[in-house]
């Protein structure tokens, strides 16, 4: 266990009981189960291939999280309900269809997550994405 924890830079703590000194005990029906992430990564025209590749490698190869790569030109035909997160690396997302943007808004309002930004993401990019989703 120590070797695995060291390889992944994770702290591991031993517990002797599920009882906690305060709050919800481990194993309580009040605890919400973790949901395995099912991320969708947008790729293709206008999207940084090096950043998309880096994110894919980190999630798929290092963290063992299967990532679905979808081309920006066909993402409007994807059922977002199959995913927990949409990942937008550095790129130009102005070509996203109005239908996809509407679906994305509903999906976020239902509690899903959007992850965006990296090295080249500037305040103007964030403002533009926020404006698209807020409209």
N, C-alpha and C. Protein backbone atom coordinates (compact mmCIF):
# COMPACT_ATOMS: atom_id res chain seq x y z
N UNK A 1 0.82 -1.17 0.00
CA UNK A 1 0.00 0.00 0.00
C UNK A 1 0.88 1.25 0.00
N UNK A 2 1.97 1.23 0.77
CA UNK A 2 2.85 2.38 0.83
C UNK A 2 3.46 2.68 -0.55
N UNK A 3 3.80 1.63 -1.29
CA UNK A 3 4.40 1.82 -2.61
C UNK A 3 3.39 2.48 -3.56
N UNK A 4 2.16 2.00 -3.55
CA UNK A 4 1.12 2.57 -4.42
C UNK A 4 0.84 4.02 -4.03
N UNK A 5 0.75 4.28 -2.73
CA UNK A 5 0.49 5.64 -2.26
C UNK A 5 1.62 6.58 -2.67
N UNK A 6 2.86 6.12 -2.58
CA UNK A 6 4.00 6.95 -2.97
C UNK A 6 4.01 7.21 -4.47
N UNK A 7 3.69 6.20 -5.28
CA UNK A 7 3.66 6.37 -6.73
C UNK A 7 2.65 7.41 -7.17
N UNK A 8 1.50 7.47 -6.48
CA UNK A 8 0.43 8.38 -6.86
C UNK A 8 0.37 9.63 -5.98
N UNK A 9 1.36 9.79 -5.10
CA UNK A 9 1.43 10.96 -4.21
C UNK A 9 0.13 11.14 -3.42
N UNK A 10 -0.33 10.03 -2.81
CA UNK A 10 -1.57 10.03 -2.04
C UNK A 10 -1.24 9.68 -0.59
N UNK A 11 -1.83 10.42 0.33
CA UNK A 11 -1.68 10.09 1.75
C UNK A 11 -2.70 9.02 2.11
N UNK A 12 -2.27 7.97 2.78
CA UNK A 12 -3.15 6.90 3.21
C UNK A 12 -3.16 6.89 4.74
N UNK A 13 -4.35 6.82 5.31
CA UNK A 13 -4.50 6.81 6.77
C UNK A 13 -5.25 5.54 7.17
N UNK A 14 -4.81 4.96 8.26
CA UNK A 14 -5.44 3.76 8.79
C UNK A 14 -6.54 4.18 9.75
N UNK A 15 -7.67 3.51 9.66
CA UNK A 15 -8.73 3.75 10.64
C UNK A 15 -9.04 2.42 11.32
N UNK A 16 -9.43 2.48 12.55
CA UNK A 16 -9.72 1.27 13.32
C UNK A 16 -11.22 1.10 13.55
N UNK A 17 -11.98 2.15 13.18
CA UNK A 17 -13.42 2.11 13.40
C UNK A 17 -14.09 3.04 12.40
N UNK A 18 -15.36 2.80 12.14
CA UNK A 18 -16.13 3.67 11.27
C UNK A 18 -16.78 4.82 12.03
N UNK A 19 -16.59 4.82 13.35
CA UNK A 19 -17.16 5.89 14.17
C UNK A 19 -16.27 7.12 14.12
N UNK A 20 -16.90 8.27 14.03
CA UNK A 20 -16.15 9.52 14.01
C UNK A 20 -16.43 10.29 15.29
N UNK A 21 -15.49 11.13 15.73
CA UNK A 21 -15.73 11.90 16.94
C UNK A 21 -16.86 12.91 16.79
N UNK A 22 -17.11 13.36 15.57
CA UNK A 22 -18.19 14.32 15.30
C UNK A 22 -18.64 14.13 13.86
N UNK A 23 -19.89 14.43 13.59
CA UNK A 23 -20.39 14.34 12.22
C UNK A 23 -20.89 12.95 11.86
N UNK A 24 -20.97 12.70 10.58
CA UNK A 24 -21.52 11.45 10.06
C UNK A 24 -20.47 10.34 10.15
N UNK A 25 -20.86 9.18 10.66
CA UNK A 25 -19.95 8.03 10.75
C UNK A 25 -19.77 7.40 9.37
N UNK A 26 -18.62 6.77 9.18
CA UNK A 26 -18.37 6.04 7.94
C UNK A 26 -19.36 4.88 7.85
N UNK A 27 -19.95 4.67 6.71
CA UNK A 27 -20.93 3.62 6.53
C UNK A 27 -22.35 4.06 6.83
N UNK A 28 -22.52 5.29 7.25
CA UNK A 28 -23.85 5.81 7.54
C UNK A 28 -24.67 5.92 6.26
N UNK A 29 -25.97 5.69 6.33
CA UNK A 29 -26.80 5.88 5.14
C UNK A 29 -26.88 7.35 4.72
N UNK A 30 -26.39 8.25 5.59
CA UNK A 30 -26.38 9.67 5.25
C UNK A 30 -25.24 10.04 4.30
N UNK A 31 -24.26 9.15 4.18
CA UNK A 31 -23.15 9.41 3.25
C UNK A 31 -23.61 9.20 1.81
N UNK A 32 -23.22 10.10 0.94
CA UNK A 32 -23.53 9.93 -0.48
C UNK A 32 -22.40 9.15 -1.15
N UNK A 33 -22.73 8.17 -1.95
CA UNK A 33 -21.67 7.40 -2.63
C UNK A 33 -20.97 8.25 -3.68
N UNK A 34 -19.70 7.95 -3.88
CA UNK A 34 -18.95 8.62 -4.94
C UNK A 34 -19.41 8.08 -6.29
N UNK A 35 -19.47 8.95 -7.26
CA UNK A 35 -19.83 8.55 -8.62
C UNK A 35 -18.57 8.64 -9.47
N UNK A 36 -18.27 7.55 -10.15
CA UNK A 36 -17.07 7.55 -11.00
C UNK A 36 -17.26 8.58 -12.11
N UNK A 37 -16.27 9.46 -12.29
CA UNK A 37 -16.40 10.47 -13.34
C UNK A 37 -16.44 9.84 -14.73
N UNK A 38 -17.27 10.41 -15.59
CA UNK A 38 -17.36 9.99 -16.99
C UNK A 38 -17.18 11.24 -17.85
N UNK A 39 -15.91 11.66 -18.02
CA UNK A 39 -15.66 12.92 -18.73
C UNK A 39 -15.71 12.79 -20.25
N UNK A 40 -16.15 13.89 -20.86
CA UNK A 40 -16.13 14.05 -22.31
C UNK A 40 -15.13 15.17 -22.59
N UNK A 41 -14.17 14.92 -23.47
CA UNK A 41 -13.15 15.89 -23.83
C UNK A 41 -13.37 16.32 -25.27
N UNK A 42 -13.62 17.62 -25.46
CA UNK A 42 -13.80 18.13 -26.81
C UNK A 42 -12.46 18.26 -27.51
N UNK A 43 -12.39 17.77 -28.75
CA UNK A 43 -11.17 17.81 -29.56
C UNK A 43 -11.55 18.26 -30.97
N UNK A 44 -10.55 18.45 -31.80
CA UNK A 44 -10.81 18.76 -33.21
C UNK A 44 -10.46 20.19 -33.58
N UNK A 45 -11.11 20.67 -34.61
CA UNK A 45 -10.83 21.97 -35.21
C UNK A 45 -10.86 23.08 -34.17
N UNK A 46 -9.74 23.81 -34.06
CA UNK A 46 -9.66 24.94 -33.15
C UNK A 46 -9.28 24.60 -31.72
N UNK A 47 -9.15 23.32 -31.40
CA UNK A 47 -8.82 22.90 -30.04
C UNK A 47 -7.34 22.52 -29.98
N UNK A 48 -6.65 22.95 -28.96
CA UNK A 48 -5.23 22.65 -28.81
C UNK A 48 -5.02 21.14 -28.69
N UNK A 49 -4.35 20.57 -29.69
CA UNK A 49 -4.11 19.12 -29.67
C UNK A 49 -3.15 18.72 -28.55
N UNK A 50 -2.16 19.57 -28.28
CA UNK A 50 -1.20 19.20 -27.23
C UNK A 50 -1.87 19.21 -25.85
N UNK A 51 -2.73 20.21 -25.59
CA UNK A 51 -3.40 20.24 -24.30
C UNK A 51 -4.43 19.11 -24.18
N UNK A 52 -5.15 18.85 -25.26
CA UNK A 52 -6.12 17.74 -25.23
C UNK A 52 -5.39 16.42 -24.97
N UNK A 53 -4.26 16.24 -25.62
CA UNK A 53 -3.48 15.02 -25.41
C UNK A 53 -2.95 14.91 -24.00
N UNK A 54 -2.52 16.03 -23.45
CA UNK A 54 -2.02 16.03 -22.08
C UNK A 54 -3.11 15.67 -21.08
N UNK A 55 -4.29 16.25 -21.26
CA UNK A 55 -5.41 15.94 -20.36
C UNK A 55 -5.83 14.48 -20.51
N UNK A 56 -5.93 14.02 -21.76
CA UNK A 56 -6.29 12.62 -21.98
C UNK A 56 -5.29 11.71 -21.28
N UNK A 57 -4.00 11.96 -21.48
CA UNK A 57 -2.97 11.10 -20.89
C UNK A 57 -3.07 11.10 -19.37
N UNK A 58 -3.23 12.28 -18.77
CA UNK A 58 -3.33 12.36 -17.32
C UNK A 58 -4.50 11.53 -16.80
N UNK A 59 -5.68 11.73 -17.39
CA UNK A 59 -6.86 11.03 -16.89
C UNK A 59 -6.85 9.55 -17.25
N UNK A 60 -6.62 9.24 -18.50
CA UNK A 60 -6.71 7.85 -18.96
C UNK A 60 -5.54 6.98 -18.49
N UNK A 61 -4.34 7.47 -18.68
CA UNK A 61 -3.17 6.64 -18.40
C UNK A 61 -2.71 6.72 -16.95
N UNK A 62 -2.74 7.90 -16.35
CA UNK A 62 -2.23 8.05 -14.99
C UNK A 62 -3.29 7.80 -13.92
N UNK A 63 -4.54 8.23 -14.20
CA UNK A 63 -5.58 8.13 -13.18
C UNK A 63 -6.60 7.03 -13.46
N UNK A 64 -6.43 6.34 -14.58
CA UNK A 64 -7.31 5.24 -14.96
C UNK A 64 -8.78 5.66 -15.03
N UNK A 65 -9.00 6.86 -15.59
CA UNK A 65 -10.35 7.36 -15.82
C UNK A 65 -10.58 7.39 -17.32
N UNK A 66 -11.51 6.57 -17.78
CA UNK A 66 -11.80 6.51 -19.22
C UNK A 66 -12.37 7.85 -19.68
N UNK A 67 -11.80 8.40 -20.74
CA UNK A 67 -12.21 9.69 -21.29
C UNK A 67 -12.75 9.48 -22.69
N UNK A 68 -13.90 10.06 -22.97
CA UNK A 68 -14.47 10.01 -24.32
C UNK A 68 -14.05 11.27 -25.05
N UNK A 69 -13.38 11.11 -26.18
CA UNK A 69 -12.97 12.24 -27.01
C UNK A 69 -14.02 12.43 -28.09
N UNK A 70 -14.54 13.65 -28.21
CA UNK A 70 -15.58 13.94 -29.20
C UNK A 70 -15.15 15.15 -30.01
N UNK A 71 -15.23 15.01 -31.32
CA UNK A 71 -14.87 16.11 -32.22
C UNK A 71 -15.87 17.24 -32.08
N UNK A 72 -15.36 18.45 -32.03
CA UNK A 72 -16.20 19.64 -31.85
C UNK A 72 -17.27 19.76 -32.94
N UNK A 73 -17.00 19.21 -34.12
CA UNK A 73 -17.96 19.30 -35.23
C UNK A 73 -19.15 18.37 -35.08
N UNK A 74 -19.05 17.35 -34.24
CA UNK A 74 -20.17 16.40 -34.07
C UNK A 74 -20.73 16.35 -32.66
N UNK A 75 -20.21 17.22 -31.77
CA UNK A 75 -20.61 17.16 -30.37
C UNK A 75 -22.10 17.44 -30.18
N UNK A 76 -22.72 18.13 -31.11
CA UNK A 76 -24.15 18.41 -30.99
C UNK A 76 -25.02 17.17 -31.05
N UNK A 77 -24.47 16.06 -31.55
CA UNK A 77 -25.23 14.80 -31.65
C UNK A 77 -24.99 13.88 -30.45
N UNK A 78 -24.26 14.37 -29.45
CA UNK A 78 -23.90 13.56 -28.29
C UNK A 78 -24.91 13.77 -27.17
N UNK A 79 -25.29 12.68 -26.51
CA UNK A 79 -26.18 12.75 -25.35
C UNK A 79 -25.34 13.08 -24.12
N UNK A 80 -25.41 14.32 -23.66
CA UNK A 80 -24.59 14.75 -22.52
C UNK A 80 -24.93 14.01 -21.23
N UNK A 81 -26.11 13.47 -21.13
CA UNK A 81 -26.50 12.76 -19.91
C UNK A 81 -25.64 11.53 -19.64
N UNK A 82 -24.88 11.09 -20.63
CA UNK A 82 -23.98 9.95 -20.45
C UNK A 82 -22.69 10.34 -19.73
N UNK A 83 -22.49 11.66 -19.51
CA UNK A 83 -21.22 12.15 -18.97
C UNK A 83 -21.44 12.97 -17.70
N UNK A 84 -20.40 13.02 -16.86
CA UNK A 84 -20.46 13.82 -15.64
C UNK A 84 -19.76 15.16 -15.81
N UNK A 85 -18.85 15.25 -16.76
CA UNK A 85 -18.07 16.46 -16.97
C UNK A 85 -17.80 16.64 -18.47
N UNK A 86 -17.75 17.91 -18.89
CA UNK A 86 -17.25 18.26 -20.22
C UNK A 86 -15.96 19.03 -19.99
N UNK A 87 -14.91 18.63 -20.68
CA UNK A 87 -13.61 19.28 -20.51
C UNK A 87 -13.30 20.08 -21.77
N UNK A 88 -13.02 21.36 -21.57
CA UNK A 88 -12.66 22.27 -22.65
C UNK A 88 -11.24 22.76 -22.40
N UNK A 89 -10.29 22.26 -23.18
CA UNK A 89 -8.92 22.76 -23.05
C UNK A 89 -8.80 24.02 -23.90
N UNK A 90 -7.63 24.60 -23.96
CA UNK A 90 -7.43 25.83 -24.71
C UNK A 90 -7.87 25.63 -26.17
N UNK A 91 -8.66 26.56 -26.66
CA UNK A 91 -9.12 26.46 -28.03
C UNK A 91 -10.18 27.49 -28.35
N UNK A 92 -10.70 27.41 -29.57
CA UNK A 92 -11.75 28.31 -30.04
C UNK A 92 -13.04 27.51 -30.09
N UNK A 93 -13.99 27.86 -29.23
CA UNK A 93 -15.25 27.14 -29.15
C UNK A 93 -16.41 27.93 -29.73
N UNK A 94 -16.09 28.95 -30.52
CA UNK A 94 -17.12 29.78 -31.12
C UNK A 94 -17.98 29.04 -32.13
N UNK A 95 -17.50 27.90 -32.63
CA UNK A 95 -18.24 27.15 -33.65
C UNK A 95 -19.24 26.17 -33.04
N UNK A 96 -19.38 26.14 -31.72
CA UNK A 96 -20.35 25.22 -31.11
C UNK A 96 -21.75 25.63 -31.55
N UNK A 97 -22.55 24.65 -31.91
CA UNK A 97 -23.90 24.94 -32.39
C UNK A 97 -24.77 25.48 -31.27
N UNK A 98 -25.77 26.27 -31.65
CA UNK A 98 -26.72 26.80 -30.67
C UNK A 98 -27.43 25.68 -29.92
N UNK A 99 -27.73 24.59 -30.62
CA UNK A 99 -28.39 23.45 -29.99
C UNK A 99 -27.53 22.83 -28.92
N UNK A 100 -26.23 22.69 -29.21
CA UNK A 100 -25.32 22.12 -28.22
C UNK A 100 -25.19 23.04 -27.02
N UNK A 101 -25.07 24.34 -27.27
CA UNK A 101 -24.96 25.30 -26.17
C UNK A 101 -26.20 25.24 -25.28
N UNK A 102 -27.38 25.13 -25.87
CA UNK A 102 -28.61 25.00 -25.09
C UNK A 102 -28.60 23.71 -24.27
N UNK A 103 -28.15 22.62 -24.88
CA UNK A 103 -28.05 21.35 -24.15
C UNK A 103 -27.05 21.46 -23.01
N UNK A 104 -25.95 22.15 -23.26
CA UNK A 104 -24.92 22.33 -22.25
C UNK A 104 -25.46 23.12 -21.06
N UNK A 105 -26.23 24.16 -21.34
CA UNK A 105 -26.84 24.95 -20.26
C UNK A 105 -27.75 24.08 -19.39
N UNK A 106 -28.63 23.30 -20.03
CA UNK A 106 -29.54 22.44 -19.27
C UNK A 106 -28.76 21.41 -18.45
N UNK A 107 -27.73 20.88 -19.04
CA UNK A 107 -26.91 19.85 -18.41
C UNK A 107 -26.22 20.41 -17.17
N UNK A 108 -25.69 21.62 -17.26
CA UNK A 108 -25.03 22.26 -16.12
C UNK A 108 -26.05 22.59 -15.04
N UNK A 109 -27.22 23.09 -15.45
CA UNK A 109 -28.27 23.42 -14.47
C UNK A 109 -28.74 22.17 -13.73
N UNK A 110 -28.60 21.00 -14.35
CA UNK A 110 -29.00 19.75 -13.70
C UNK A 110 -27.92 19.24 -12.74
N UNK A 111 -26.78 19.94 -12.69
CA UNK A 111 -25.76 19.58 -11.71
C UNK A 111 -24.48 19.00 -12.26
N UNK A 112 -24.34 18.91 -13.56
CA UNK A 112 -23.11 18.37 -14.14
C UNK A 112 -22.01 19.43 -14.08
N UNK A 113 -20.80 19.03 -14.42
CA UNK A 113 -19.67 19.94 -14.31
C UNK A 113 -18.98 20.21 -15.63
N UNK A 114 -18.51 21.44 -15.76
CA UNK A 114 -17.72 21.82 -16.93
C UNK A 114 -16.35 22.22 -16.42
N UNK A 115 -15.32 21.71 -17.09
CA UNK A 115 -13.95 22.00 -16.70
C UNK A 115 -13.30 22.66 -17.89
N UNK A 116 -12.69 23.79 -17.69
CA UNK A 116 -12.07 24.48 -18.81
C UNK A 116 -10.83 25.21 -18.39
N UNK A 117 -10.04 25.45 -19.38
CA UNK A 117 -8.88 26.29 -19.15
C UNK A 117 -7.60 25.52 -18.96
N UNK A 118 -6.55 26.18 -19.33
CA UNK A 118 -5.20 25.69 -19.12
C UNK A 118 -4.27 26.85 -19.36
N UNK A 119 -3.10 26.55 -19.83
CA UNK A 119 -2.04 27.54 -19.95
C UNK A 119 -2.42 28.76 -20.78
N UNK A 120 -3.13 28.58 -21.90
CA UNK A 120 -3.44 29.70 -22.77
C UNK A 120 -4.78 30.34 -22.49
N UNK A 121 -5.50 29.89 -21.47
CA UNK A 121 -6.81 30.45 -21.18
C UNK A 121 -6.65 31.80 -20.49
N UNK A 122 -7.24 32.80 -21.07
CA UNK A 122 -7.14 34.16 -20.57
C UNK A 122 -8.51 34.60 -20.05
N UNK A 123 -8.57 35.69 -19.28
CA UNK A 123 -9.87 36.18 -18.79
C UNK A 123 -10.90 36.37 -19.90
N UNK A 124 -10.46 36.78 -21.08
CA UNK A 124 -11.40 36.97 -22.20
C UNK A 124 -12.06 35.65 -22.59
N UNK A 125 -11.32 34.53 -22.55
CA UNK A 125 -11.88 33.21 -22.88
C UNK A 125 -12.95 32.83 -21.87
N UNK A 126 -12.65 33.04 -20.60
CA UNK A 126 -13.59 32.69 -19.54
C UNK A 126 -14.85 33.54 -19.65
N UNK A 127 -14.66 34.84 -19.92
CA UNK A 127 -15.82 35.73 -20.06
C UNK A 127 -16.68 35.32 -21.23
N UNK A 128 -16.06 34.93 -22.35
CA UNK A 128 -16.83 34.52 -23.54
C UNK A 128 -17.63 33.26 -23.25
N UNK A 129 -17.01 32.28 -22.60
CA UNK A 129 -17.72 31.04 -22.26
C UNK A 129 -18.85 31.32 -21.29
N UNK A 130 -18.58 32.16 -20.30
CA UNK A 130 -19.61 32.53 -19.34
C UNK A 130 -20.79 33.21 -20.02
N UNK A 131 -20.50 34.07 -20.98
CA UNK A 131 -21.58 34.77 -21.71
C UNK A 131 -22.42 33.79 -22.50
N UNK A 132 -21.77 32.80 -23.13
CA UNK A 132 -22.49 31.80 -23.91
C UNK A 132 -23.44 31.01 -23.02
N UNK A 133 -22.94 30.58 -21.87
CA UNK A 133 -23.73 29.74 -20.97
C UNK A 133 -24.81 30.56 -20.26
N UNK A 134 -24.52 31.82 -19.95
CA UNK A 134 -25.46 32.66 -19.20
C UNK A 134 -26.63 33.16 -20.03
N UNK A 135 -26.46 33.25 -21.34
CA UNK A 135 -27.53 33.78 -22.21
C UNK A 135 -28.77 32.93 -22.16
